[in-house]
Structure formats: C-alpha cells, structure tokens
PDB file of N, CA and C in Angstrom:
ATOM      1  N   UNK A   1      13.968  -6.631 -11.995  1.00  0.00           N
ATOM      2  CA  UNK A   1      13.322  -6.510 -10.754  1.00  0.00           C
ATOM      3  C   UNK A   1      14.306  -5.567  -9.673  1.00  0.00           C
ATOM      4  N   UNK A   2      13.921  -5.220  -8.767  1.00  0.00           N
ATOM      5  CA  UNK A   2      14.462  -4.118  -7.916  1.00  0.00           C
ATOM      6  C   UNK A   2      15.330  -5.145  -7.179  1.00  0.00           C
ATOM      7  N   UNK A   3      16.637  -4.805  -6.688  1.00  0.00           N
ATOM      8  CA  UNK A   3      17.506  -5.397  -5.803  1.00  0.00           C
ATOM      9  C   UNK A   3      17.087  -5.869  -4.519  1.00  0.00           C
ATOM     10  N   UNK A   4      16.161  -4.686  -3.948  1.00  0.00           N
ATOM     11  CA  UNK A   4      15.806  -4.923  -2.541  1.00  0.00           C
ATOM     12  C   UNK A   4      14.027  -5.262  -2.614  1.00  0.00           C
ATOM     13  N   UNK A   5      13.498  -6.438  -2.140  1.00  0.00           N
ATOM     14  CA  UNK A   5      12.219  -6.180  -2.369  1.00  0.00           C
ATOM     15  C   UNK A   5      11.515  -5.588  -1.379  1.00  0.00           C
ATOM     16  N   UNK A   6      10.410  -5.314  -1.198  1.00  0.00           N
ATOM     17  CA  UNK A   6       9.745  -4.508  -0.337  1.00  0.00           C
ATOM     18  C   UNK A   6       8.508  -5.451   0.505  1.00  0.00           C
ATOM     19  N   UNK A   7       8.677  -5.526   1.632  1.00  0.00           N
ATOM     20  CA  UNK A   7       7.725  -6.194   2.463  1.00  0.00           C
ATOM     21  C   UNK A   7       6.752  -5.388   2.736  1.00  0.00           C
ATOM     22  N   UNK A   8       5.144  -5.944   2.625  1.00  0.00           N
ATOM     23  CA  UNK A   8       4.309  -5.210   3.018  1.00  0.00           C
ATOM     24  C   UNK A   8       3.335  -6.065   4.028  1.00  0.00           C
ATOM     25  N   UNK A   9       2.576  -5.495   4.889  1.00  0.00           N
ATOM     26  CA  UNK A   9       1.897  -6.017   5.416  1.00  0.00           C
ATOM     27  C   UNK A   9       0.773  -5.136   6.007  1.00  0.00           C
ATOM     28  N   UNK A  10      -0.442  -5.324   6.226  1.00  0.00           N
ATOM     29  CA  UNK A  10      -1.604  -4.644   7.036  1.00  0.00           C
ATOM     30  C   UNK A  10      -2.521  -5.003   7.976  1.00  0.00           C
ATOM     31  N   UNK A  11      -2.947  -3.945   8.594  1.00  0.00           N
ATOM     32  CA  UNK A  11      -3.822  -4.482   9.948  1.00  0.00           C
ATOM     33  C   UNK A  11      -4.995  -5.216   9.103  1.00  0.00           C
ATOM     34  N   UNK A  12      -5.657  -5.975   9.862  1.00  0.00           N
ATOM     35  CA  UNK A  12      -6.890  -6.686   9.404  1.00  0.00           C
ATOM     36  C   UNK A  12      -7.933  -5.761   9.658  1.00  0.00           C
ATOM     37  N   UNK A  13      -9.224  -6.166   9.068  1.00  0.00           N
ATOM     38  CA  UNK A  13     -10.331  -4.922   9.153  1.00  0.00           C
ATOM     39  C   UNK A  13     -11.457  -5.733   9.808  1.00  0.00           C
ATOM     40  N   UNK A  14     -11.849  -7.263  10.278  1.00  0.00           N
ATOM     41  CA  UNK A  14     -12.473  -7.876  11.059  1.00  0.00           C
ATOM     42  C   UNK A  14     -11.916  -9.213  11.153  1.00  0.00           C
ATOM     43  N   UNK A  15     -12.849  -9.907  11.737  1.00  0.00           N
ATOM     44  CA  UNK A  15     -12.335 -11.305  12.329  1.00  0.00           C
ATOM     45  C   UNK A  15     -12.044 -12.025  11.043  1.00  0.00           C
ATOM     46  N   UNK A  16     -12.887 -12.069   9.992  1.00  0.00           N
ATOM     47  CA  UNK A  16     -12.964 -13.021   9.006  1.00  0.00           C
ATOM     48  C   UNK A  16     -11.732 -12.534   8.215  1.00  0.00           C
ATOM     49  N   UNK A  17     -11.304 -11.323   8.139  1.00  0.00           N
ATOM     50  CA  UNK A  17     -10.349 -10.900   7.292  1.00  0.00           C
ATOM     51  C   UNK A  17      -8.757 -11.626   7.788  1.00  0.00           C
ATOM     52  N   UNK A  18      -8.921 -11.668   9.049  1.00  0.00           N
ATOM     53  CA  UNK A  18      -7.777 -12.458   9.797  1.00  0.00           C
ATOM     54  C   UNK A  18      -7.326 -13.833   9.127  1.00  0.00           C
ATOM     55  N   UNK A  19      -8.248 -14.410   8.450  1.00  0.00           N
ATOM     56  CA  UNK A  19      -7.907 -15.819   7.889  1.00  0.00           C
ATOM     57  C   UNK A  19      -7.441 -15.535   6.411  1.00  0.00           C
ATOM     58  N   UNK A  20      -7.721 -14.541   5.702  1.00  0.00           N
ATOM     59  CA  UNK A  20      -7.023 -14.335   4.444  1.00  0.00           C
ATOM     60  C   UNK A  20      -5.685 -13.324   4.575  1.00  0.00           C
ATOM     61  N   UNK A  21      -5.882 -12.512   5.384  1.00  0.00           N
ATOM     62  CA  UNK A  21      -4.511 -11.510   5.624  1.00  0.00           C
ATOM     63  C   UNK A  21      -3.267 -12.052   5.451  1.00  0.00           C
ATOM     64  N   UNK A  22      -2.316 -11.475   4.822  1.00  0.00           N
ATOM     65  CA  UNK A  22      -1.026 -12.172   4.657  1.00  0.00           C
ATOM     66  C   UNK A  22       0.004 -11.173   4.436  1.00  0.00           C
ATOM     67  N   UNK A  23       1.204 -11.267   4.526  1.00  0.00           N
ATOM     68  CA  UNK A  23       2.267 -10.656   4.268  1.00  0.00           C
ATOM     69  C   UNK A  23       2.583 -10.737   2.709  1.00  0.00           C
ATOM     70  N   UNK A  24       3.143  -9.768   1.994  1.00  0.00           N
ATOM     71  CA  UNK A  24       3.514  -9.878   0.960  1.00  0.00           C
ATOM     72  C   UNK A  24       4.942  -9.448   0.402  1.00  0.00           C
ATOM     73  N   UNK A  25       5.698  -9.938  -0.267  1.00  0.00           N
ATOM     74  CA  UNK A  25       7.017  -9.299  -0.927  1.00  0.00           C
ATOM     75  C   UNK A  25       6.776  -8.700  -1.999  1.00  0.00           C
ATOM     76  N   UNK A  26       6.999  -7.436  -2.404  1.00  0.00           N
ATOM     77  CA  UNK A  26       6.694  -6.820  -3.736  1.00  0.00           C
ATOM     78  C   UNK A  26       8.252  -6.436  -4.444  1.00  0.00           C
ATOM     79  N   UNK A  27       8.046  -7.037  -5.362  1.00  0.00           N
ATOM     80  CA  UNK A  27       8.974  -6.939  -6.713  1.00  0.00           C
ATOM     81  C   UNK A  27       8.678  -6.148  -7.699  1.00  0.00           C
ATOM     82  N   UNK A  28       9.108  -4.988  -8.182  1.00  0.00           N
ATOM     83  CA  UNK A  28       8.653  -4.057  -9.210  1.00  0.00           C
ATOM     84  C   UNK A  28       9.770  -3.942 -10.310  1.00  0.00           C
ATOM     85  N   UNK A  29       9.589  -3.547 -11.344  1.00  0.00           N
ATOM     86  CA  UNK A  29      10.728  -3.271 -12.379  1.00  0.00           C
ATOM     87  C   UNK A  29      11.702  -2.223 -11.727  1.00  0.00           C
ATOM     88  N   UNK A  30      12.970  -1.957 -12.167  1.00  0.00           N
ATOM     89  CA  UNK A  30      13.845  -1.064 -11.602  1.00  0.00           C
ATOM     90  C   UNK A  30      13.348   0.167 -11.784  1.00  0.00           C
ATOM     91  N   UNK A  31      12.836   0.679 -13.110  1.00  0.00           N
ATOM     92  CA  UNK A  31      12.344   1.814 -13.484  1.00  0.00           C
ATOM     93  C   UNK A  31      11.165   2.258 -12.929  1.00  0.00           C
ATOM     94  N   UNK A  32      10.575   1.696 -12.079  1.00  0.00           N
ATOM     95  CA  UNK A  32       9.206   1.906 -11.537  1.00  0.00           C
ATOM     96  C   UNK A  32       9.169   3.262 -10.404  1.00  0.00           C
ATOM     97  N   UNK A  33       8.045   4.001 -10.494  1.00  0.00           N
ATOM     98  CA  UNK A  33       8.221   5.070  -9.310  1.00  0.00           C
ATOM     99  C   UNK A  33       6.960   5.060  -8.500  1.00  0.00           C
ATOM    100  N   UNK A  34       7.082   5.671  -7.515  1.00  0.00           N
ATOM    101  CA  UNK A  34       6.169   5.631  -6.309  1.00  0.00           C
ATOM    102  C   UNK A  34       4.622   5.456  -6.657  1.00  0.00           C
ATOM    103  N   UNK A  35       4.252   6.044  -7.793  1.00  0.00           N
ATOM    104  CA  UNK A  35       2.760   5.606  -8.368  1.00  0.00           C
ATOM    105  C   UNK A  35       2.382   4.464  -8.752  1.00  0.00           C
ATOM    106  N   UNK A  36       3.577   3.609  -9.037  1.00  0.00           N
ATOM    107  CA  UNK A  36       3.548   2.183  -9.701  1.00  0.00           C
ATOM    108  C   UNK A  36       3.304   1.533  -8.133  1.00  0.00           C
ATOM    109  N   UNK A  37       3.974   1.673  -7.462  1.00  0.00           N
ATOM    110  CA  UNK A  37       3.726   1.022  -6.075  1.00  0.00           C
ATOM    111  C   UNK A  37       2.476   1.072  -5.112  1.00  0.00           C
ATOM    112  N   UNK A  38       2.042   2.460  -5.542  1.00  0.00           N
ATOM    113  CA  UNK A  38       0.877   2.520  -4.768  1.00  0.00           C
ATOM    114  C   UNK A  38      -0.390   1.999  -5.488  1.00  0.00           C
ATOM    115  N   UNK A  39      -0.277   1.964  -7.065  1.00  0.00           N
ATOM    116  CA  UNK A  39      -1.324   1.301  -7.624  1.00  0.00           C
ATOM    117  C   UNK A  39      -1.186  -0.278  -7.739  1.00  0.00           C
ATOM    118  N   UNK A  40      -0.082  -0.758  -7.496  1.00  0.00           N
ATOM    119  CA  UNK A  40      -0.116  -2.331  -7.086  1.00  0.00           C
ATOM    120  C   UNK A  40      -0.745  -2.419  -5.954  1.00  0.00           C
ATOM    121  N   UNK A  41      -0.423  -1.592  -4.760  1.00  0.00           N
ATOM    122  CA  UNK A  41      -1.278  -1.983  -3.618  1.00  0.00           C
ATOM    123  C   UNK A  41      -2.589  -1.610  -3.640  1.00  0.00           C
ATOM    124  N   UNK A  42      -3.163  -0.765  -4.188  1.00  0.00           N
ATOM    125  CA  UNK A  42      -4.407  -0.611  -4.348  1.00  0.00           C
ATOM    126  C   UNK A  42      -5.193  -1.961  -5.327  1.00  0.00           C
ATOM    127  N   UNK A  43      -4.367  -2.358  -6.265  1.00  0.00           N
ATOM    128  CA  UNK A  43      -5.337  -3.394  -7.053  1.00  0.00           C
ATOM    129  C   UNK A  43      -4.698  -4.720  -6.663  1.00  0.00           C
ATOM    130  N   UNK A  44      -3.819  -5.048  -5.898  1.00  0.00           N
ATOM    131  CA  UNK A  44      -3.226  -6.380  -5.569  1.00  0.00           C
ATOM    132  C   UNK A  44      -4.450  -7.245  -4.759  1.00  0.00           C
ATOM    133  N   UNK A  45      -4.685  -8.415  -5.507  1.00  0.00           N
ATOM    134  CA  UNK A  45      -5.403  -9.306  -4.976  1.00  0.00           C
ATOM    135  C   UNK A  45      -5.054 -10.772  -5.133  1.00  0.00           C
ATOM    136  N   UNK A  46      -5.161 -11.706  -4.127  1.00  0.00           N
ATOM    137  CA  UNK A  46      -4.749 -13.045  -4.073  1.00  0.00           C
ATOM    138  C   UNK A  46      -6.031 -13.538  -3.260  1.00  0.00           C
ATOM    139  N   UNK A  47      -6.890 -14.453  -4.215  1.00  0.00           N
ATOM    140  CA  UNK A  47      -8.064 -15.074  -3.929  1.00  0.00           C
ATOM    141  C   UNK A  47      -8.978 -14.253  -3.084  1.00  0.00           C
ATOM    142  N   UNK A  48      -9.145 -14.391  -1.749  1.00  0.00           N
ATOM    143  CA  UNK A  48      -9.802 -13.227  -1.265  1.00  0.00           C
ATOM    144  C   UNK A  48      -9.118 -12.376  -0.354  1.00  0.00           C
ATOM    145  N   UNK A  49      -7.670 -12.391  -0.523  1.00  0.00           N
ATOM    146  CA  UNK A  49      -7.192 -11.192   0.141  1.00  0.00           C
ATOM    147  C   UNK A  49      -7.099  -9.778  -0.919  1.00  0.00           C
ATOM    148  N   UNK A  50      -6.786  -9.086  -0.283  1.00  0.00           N
ATOM    149  CA  UNK A  50      -6.742  -7.655  -0.907  1.00  0.00           C
ATOM    150  C   UNK A  50      -5.685  -6.763   0.181  1.00  0.00           C
ATOM    151  N   UNK A  51      -4.738  -6.208  -0.904  1.00  0.00           N
ATOM    152  CA  UNK A  51      -3.739  -5.493  -0.144  1.00  0.00           C
ATOM    153  C   UNK A  51      -4.097  -4.160   0.639  1.00  0.00           C
ATOM    154  N   UNK A  52      -5.498  -3.426  -0.085  1.00  0.00           N
ATOM    155  CA  UNK A  52      -6.233  -2.601   0.647  1.00  0.00           C
ATOM    156  C   UNK A  52      -7.624  -3.157   0.474  1.00  0.00           C
ATOM    157  N   UNK A  53      -8.281  -3.589   1.443  1.00  0.00           N
ATOM    158  CA  UNK A  53      -9.247  -4.095   1.467  1.00  0.00           C
ATOM    159  C   UNK A  53     -10.666  -3.070   1.438  1.00  0.00           C
ATOM    160  N   UNK A  54     -11.508  -3.636   0.645  1.00  0.00           N
ATOM    161  CA  UNK A  54     -12.688  -2.605   0.299  1.00  0.00           C
ATOM    162  C   UNK A  54     -13.604  -2.710   1.384  1.00  0.00           C
ATOM    163  N   UNK A  55     -14.017  -2.011   2.111  1.00  0.00           N
ATOM    164  CA  UNK A  55     -14.822  -2.164   3.284  1.00  0.00           C
ATOM    165  C   UNK A  55     -16.341  -1.126   3.432  1.00  0.00           C
ATOM    166  N   UNK A  56     -16.238  -0.586   1.995  1.00  0.00           N
ATOM    167  CA  UNK A  56     -17.570   0.562   1.683  1.00  0.00           C
ATOM    168  C   UNK A  56     -17.344   1.716   1.165  1.00  0.00           C
ATOM    169  N   UNK A  57     -15.972   1.708   0.327  1.00  0.00           N
ATOM    170  CA  UNK A  57     -15.660   3.185   0.019  1.00  0.00           C
ATOM    171  C   UNK A  57     -15.146   4.209   0.410  1.00  0.00           C
ATOM    172  N   UNK A  58     -15.259   4.497   1.657  1.00  0.00           N
ATOM    173  CA  UNK A  58     -15.087   5.454   2.573  1.00  0.00           C
ATOM    174  C   UNK A  58     -13.396   5.178   3.432  1.00  0.00           C
ATOM    175  N   UNK A  59     -13.224   4.073   3.434  1.00  0.00           N
ATOM    176  CA  UNK A  59     -11.917   3.839   4.463  1.00  0.00           C
ATOM    177  C   UNK A  59     -10.715   4.491   4.124  1.00  0.00           C
ATOM    178  N   UNK A  60      -9.987   5.075   5.164  1.00  0.00           N
ATOM    179  CA  UNK A  60      -8.841   5.734   4.676  1.00  0.00           C
ATOM    180  C   UNK A  60      -7.856   4.715   5.023  1.00  0.00           C
ATOM    181  N   UNK A  61      -6.759   4.416   4.259  1.00  0.00           N
ATOM    182  CA  UNK A  61      -5.425   3.759   4.757  1.00  0.00           C
ATOM    183  C   UNK A  61      -4.205   4.629   4.541  1.00  0.00           C
ATOM    184  N   UNK A  62      -3.608   4.433   5.515  1.00  0.00           N
ATOM    185  CA  UNK A  62      -2.098   5.263   5.534  1.00  0.00           C
ATOM    186  C   UNK A  62      -1.121   4.075   5.178  1.00  0.00           C
ATOM    187  N   UNK A  63      -0.033   4.212   4.109  1.00  0.00           N
ATOM    188  CA  UNK A  63       0.688   3.667   3.805  1.00  0.00           C
ATOM    189  C   UNK A  63       2.061   3.888   4.288  1.00  0.00           C
ATOM    190  N   UNK A  64       2.308   3.421   5.449  1.00  0.00           N
ATOM    191  CA  UNK A  64       3.581   3.826   6.191  1.00  0.00           C
ATOM    192  C   UNK A  64       4.752   2.931   5.985  1.00  0.00           C
ATOM    193  N   UNK A  65       5.570   3.504   5.687  1.00  0.00           N
ATOM    194  CA  UNK A  65       7.067   2.591   5.305  1.00  0.00           C
ATOM    195  C   UNK A  65       8.310   3.191   6.110  1.00  0.00           C
ATOM    196  N   UNK A  66       9.222   2.310   5.994  1.00  0.00           N
ATOM    197  CA  UNK A  66      10.489   2.515   6.808  1.00  0.00           C
ATOM    198  C   UNK A  66      11.028   4.002   6.679  1.00  0.00           C
ATOM    199  N   UNK A  67      10.567   4.725   5.542  1.00  0.00           N
ATOM    200  CA  UNK A  67      10.919   6.240   5.320  1.00  0.00           C
ATOM    201  C   UNK A  67       9.962   7.341   5.580  1.00  0.00           C
ATOM    202  N   UNK A  68       8.881   6.776   6.099  1.00  0.00           N
ATOM    203  CA  UNK A  68       7.547   7.797   6.361  1.00  0.00           C
ATOM    204  C   UNK A  68       6.209   7.189   5.742  1.00  0.00           C
ATOM    205  N   UNK A  69       5.408   8.236   5.939  1.00  0.00           N
ATOM    206  CA  UNK A  69       3.846   7.893   5.507  1.00  0.00           C
ATOM    207  C   UNK A  69       4.289   8.158   3.738  1.00  0.00           C
ATOM    208  N   UNK A  70       4.022   7.083   2.804  1.00  0.00           N
ATOM    209  CA  UNK A  70       4.029   7.480   1.457  1.00  0.00           C
ATOM    210  C   UNK A  70       2.812   8.051   0.871  1.00  0.00           C
ATOM    211  N   UNK A  71       1.516   7.352   1.283  1.00  0.00           N
ATOM    212  CA  UNK A  71       0.299   8.012   0.814  1.00  0.00           C
ATOM    213  C   UNK A  71      -0.808   7.495   1.634  1.00  0.00           C
ATOM    214  N   UNK A  72      -2.047   8.474   1.571  1.00  0.00           N
ATOM    215  CA  UNK A  72      -2.915   7.794   2.091  1.00  0.00           C
ATOM    216  C   UNK A  72      -3.916   7.630   0.858  1.00  0.00           C
ATOM    217  N   UNK A  73      -4.715   6.372   0.980  1.00  0.00           N
ATOM    218  CA  UNK A  73      -5.292   5.964  -0.126  1.00  0.00           C
ATOM    219  C   UNK A  73      -6.718   5.189   0.419  1.00  0.00           C
ATOM    220  N   UNK A  74      -7.829   5.666  -0.493  1.00  0.00           N
ATOM    221  CA  UNK A  74      -8.962   5.171  -0.239  1.00  0.00           C
ATOM    222  C   UNK A  74      -9.377   3.721  -0.500  1.00  0.00           C
ATOM    223  N   UNK A  75      -9.930   3.081   0.046  1.00  0.00           N
ATOM    224  CA  UNK A  75     -10.419   1.541  -0.324  1.00  0.00           C
ATOM    225  C   UNK A  75     -10.986   1.455  -1.439  1.00  0.00           C
ATOM    226  N   UNK A  76     -11.645   2.559  -1.736  1.00  0.00           N
ATOM    227  CA  UNK A  76     -12.389   2.408  -3.156  1.00  0.00           C
ATOM    228  C   UNK A  76     -11.383   2.536  -4.541  1.00  0.00           C
ATOM    229  N   UNK A  77     -10.208   3.049  -4.252  1.00  0.00           N
ATOM    230  CA  UNK A  77      -8.901   3.247  -5.134  1.00  0.00           C
ATOM    231  C   UNK A  77      -9.000   4.443  -5.932  1.00  0.00           C
ATOM    232  N   UNK A  78     -10.063   5.488  -5.635  1.00  0.00           N
ATOM    233  CA  UNK A  78     -10.119   6.600  -6.377  1.00  0.00           C
ATOM    234  C   UNK A  78      -9.387   7.852  -5.776  1.00  0.00           C
ATOM    235  N   UNK A  79      -9.341   7.744  -4.487  1.00  0.00           N
ATOM    236  CA  UNK A  79      -8.598   8.722  -3.585  1.00  0.00           C
ATOM    237  C   UNK A  79      -7.485   8.244  -3.381  1.00  0.00           C
ATOM    238  N   UNK A  80      -6.290   9.174  -3.578  1.00  0.00           N
ATOM    239  CA  UNK A  80      -5.055   8.974  -3.217  1.00  0.00           C
ATOM    240  C   UNK A  80      -4.157  10.449  -2.799  1.00  0.00           C
ATOM    241  N   UNK A  81      -3.524  10.410  -1.634  1.00  0.00           N
ATOM    242  CA  UNK A  81      -3.037  11.729  -1.152  1.00  0.00           C
ATOM    243  C   UNK A  81      -1.803  11.463  -1.016  1.00  0.00           C
ATOM    244  N   UNK A  82      -0.811  11.745  -1.653  1.00  0.00           N
ATOM    245  CA  UNK A  82       0.660  11.407  -1.570  1.00  0.00           C
ATOM    246  C   UNK A  82       1.221  12.440  -0.564  1.00  0.00           C
ATOM    247  N   UNK A  83       1.916  12.058   0.220  1.00  0.00           N
ATOM    248  CA  UNK A  83       2.887  13.035   1.241  1.00  0.00           C
ATOM    249  C   UNK A  83       3.768  13.933   0.879  1.00  0.00           C
ATOM    250  N   UNK A  84       5.074  13.354   1.132  1.00  0.00           N
ATOM    251  CA  UNK A  84       6.433  14.091   1.167  1.00  0.00           C
ATOM    252  C   UNK A  84       6.969  14.095  -0.265  1.00  0.00           C
ATOM    253  N   UNK A  85       6.550  12.799  -1.131  1.00  0.00           N
ATOM    254  CA  UNK A  85       7.108  12.651  -2.209  1.00  0.00           C
ATOM    255  C   UNK A  85       6.068  12.584  -3.612  1.00  0.00           C
ATOM    256  N   UNK A  86       6.799  13.106  -4.530  1.00  0.00           N
ATOM    257  CA  UNK A  86       6.059  13.265  -5.847  1.00  0.00           C
ATOM    258  C   UNK A  86       5.600  12.007  -6.298  1.00  0.00           C
ATOM    259  N   UNK A  87       4.566  11.552  -6.795  1.00  0.00           N
ATOM    260  CA  UNK A  87       4.165  10.385  -7.211  1.00  0.00           C
ATOM    261  C   UNK A  87       4.941   9.654  -8.439  1.00  0.00           C
ATOM    262  N   UNK A  88       5.988  10.551  -9.009  1.00  0.00           N
ATOM    263  CA  UNK A  88       6.732  10.119  -9.986  1.00  0.00           C
ATOM    264  C   UNK A  88       8.260  10.092  -9.571  1.00  0.00           C
ATOM    265  N   UNK A  89       8.168   9.947  -8.213  1.00  0.00           N
ATOM    266  CA  UNK A  89       9.643   9.570  -7.733  1.00  0.00           C
ATOM    267  C   UNK A  89       9.925   8.241  -8.115  1.00  0.00           C
ATOM    268  N   UNK A  90      10.991   7.975  -8.614  1.00  0.00           N
ATOM    269  CA  UNK A  90      11.778   6.720  -8.723  1.00  0.00           C
ATOM    270  C   UNK A  90      11.891   5.929  -7.429  1.00  0.00           C
ATOM    271  N   UNK A  91      11.340   4.621  -7.328  1.00  0.00           N
ATOM    272  CA  UNK A  91      11.474   3.949  -6.049  1.00  0.00           C
ATOM    273  C   UNK A  91      12.806   3.841  -5.595  1.00  0.00           C
ATOM    274  N   UNK A  92      13.799   3.525  -6.783  1.00  0.00           N
ATOM    275  CA  UNK A  92      15.374   3.327  -6.363  1.00  0.00           C
ATOM    276  C   UNK A  92      15.933   4.474  -5.733  1.00  0.00           C
ATOM    277  N   UNK A  93      15.504   5.702  -5.747  1.00  0.00           N
ATOM    278  CA  UNK A  93      15.537   6.787  -4.633  1.00  0.00           C
ATOM    279  C   UNK A  93      15.079   7.095  -3.391  1.00  0.00           C
ATOM    280  N   UNK A  94      14.176   6.162  -3.377  1.00  0.00           N
ATOM    281  CA  UNK A  94      13.567   6.274  -2.009  1.00  0.00           C
ATOM    282  C   UNK A  94      14.123   5.304  -1.024  1.00  0.00           C
ATOM    283  N   UNK A  95      14.314   4.070  -1.473  1.00  0.00           N
ATOM    284  CA  UNK A  95      15.087   3.035  -0.225  1.00  0.00           C
ATOM    285  C   UNK A  95      13.985   2.276   0.492  1.00  0.00           C
ATOM    286  N   UNK A  96      12.984   2.351   0.139  1.00  0.00           N
ATOM    287  CA  UNK A  96      11.769   1.695   0.784  1.00  0.00           C
ATOM    288  C   UNK A  96      11.793   0.061   0.929  1.00  0.00           C
ATOM    289  N   UNK A  97      11.937  -0.217   2.078  1.00  0.00           N
ATOM    290  CA  UNK A  97      12.229  -1.700   2.552  1.00  0.00           C
ATOM    291  C   UNK A  97      11.019  -2.296   2.817  1.00  0.00           C
ATOM    292  N   UNK A  98      10.071  -1.475   3.760  1.00  0.00           N
ATOM    293  CA  UNK A  98       8.833  -2.136   4.264  1.00  0.00           C
ATOM    294  C   UNK A  98       7.610  -1.196   4.420  1.00  0.00           C
ATOM    295  N   UNK A  99       6.673  -1.498   4.190  1.00  0.00           N
ATOM    296  CA  UNK A  99       5.100  -0.762   4.417  1.00  0.00           C
ATOM    297  C   UNK A  99       4.242  -1.581   5.211  1.00  0.00           C
ATOM    298  N   UNK A 100       3.700  -0.605   5.892  1.00  0.00           N
ATOM    299  CA  UNK A 100       2.542  -1.434   6.855  1.00  0.00           C
ATOM    300  C   UNK A 100       1.420  -0.432   6.492  1.00  0.00           C
ATOM    301  N   UNK A 101       0.148  -1.174   6.009  1.00  0.00           N
ATOM    302  CA  UNK A 101      -0.887  -0.626   5.747  1.00  0.00           C
ATOM    303  C   UNK A 101      -1.887  -0.342   7.091  1.00  0.00           C
ATOM    304  N   UNK A 102      -2.027   1.004   7.435  1.00  0.00           N
ATOM    305  CA  UNK A 102      -2.718   1.113   8.665  1.00  0.00           C
ATOM    306  C   UNK A 102      -4.013   1.616   8.376  1.00  0.00           C
ATOM    307  N   UNK A 103      -5.024   1.497   8.915  1.00  0.00           N
ATOM    308  CA  UNK A 103      -6.559   2.154   8.860  1.00  0.00           C
ATOM    309  C   UNK A 103      -6.669   3.128   9.999  1.00  0.00           C
ATOM    310  N   UNK A 104      -6.490   4.308   9.654  1.00  0.00           N
ATOM    311  CA  UNK A 104      -6.611   5.478  10.745  1.00  0.00           C
ATOM    312  C   UNK A 104      -7.903   5.834  10.798  1.00  0.00           C
ATOM    313  N   UNK A 105      -8.899   5.624  10.100  1.00  0.00           N
ATOM    314  CA  UNK A 105     -10.286   6.042   9.855  1.00  0.00           C
ATOM    315  C   UNK A 105     -11.057   6.213   8.656  1.00  0.00           C
ATOM    316  N   UNK A 106     -11.750   7.094   8.405  1.00  0.00           N
ATOM    317  CA  UNK A 106     -12.452   7.307   7.317  1.00  0.00           C
ATOM    318  C   UNK A 106     -12.210   8.555   6.562  1.00  0.00           C
ATOM    319  N   UNK A 107     -12.453   8.884   5.274  1.00  0.00           N
ATOM    320  CA  UNK A 107     -12.364  10.187   4.714  1.00  0.00           C
ATOM    321  C   UNK A 107     -13.284  11.132   5.387  1.00  0.00           C
ATOM    322  N   UNK A 108     -12.746  12.236   5.434  1.00  0.00           N
ATOM    323  CA  UNK A 108     -13.434  13.369   6.148  1.00  0.00           C
ATOM    324  C   UNK A 108     -14.420  13.922   4.595  1.00  0.00           C
TER     325      UNK A 108
END
C-alpha cells in the first residue's frame, strides 16, 4: 500500500446525491501509475455512491489535485484527457495527497 493515502471528494450533482456523496480515502499498490488512479475513480462504487456519477454520458469531470488537474474524465468512463502527466507516471513520483472531483460542464 502507498505510505500516504489520497483523500478524494467531489461535488454533488443533485439534491438526492447529497445523501450518498461521501469522502473517500484511496490506497493503491506502491507500483500504481496515474492511469490506475483514474480508472479507480471512474469505476469506484459504494452502494448508490459513485466517485464519478453517471448523469447521462456527456458530463465532464475535472480531477483537481494538490499538484494540479490530473485529468478530465467523462461520466461514461470512455473519454479521458490527461493534462500535464503521462498516464504511466508512477504515483509515488507525483506526491498526490488530495483530489476534488469538479463538474465544469459537458464535453464539447
């Protein structure tokens, strides 16, 4: 496991989502890369909670971390746009401690 867990939170998408939205603590294997973290967030489900909630297949989410925006992802899990870092960058080199999922709008 990673020495420092990553804290994750996200914006709510509607009033009903407020009841299921929660903070997560993410721990991944030490050899994990950025793509592993992004895939974790795209697929993470706990009962009715989703780290990236599906709202129709066109919602764009910014994954803003303490080191900058890691990626933009679509709520359908099919579109991922990495920003500054290559998807194969080892997480231990990045120093990510927190991520906030923000919903800046729809894909163009």
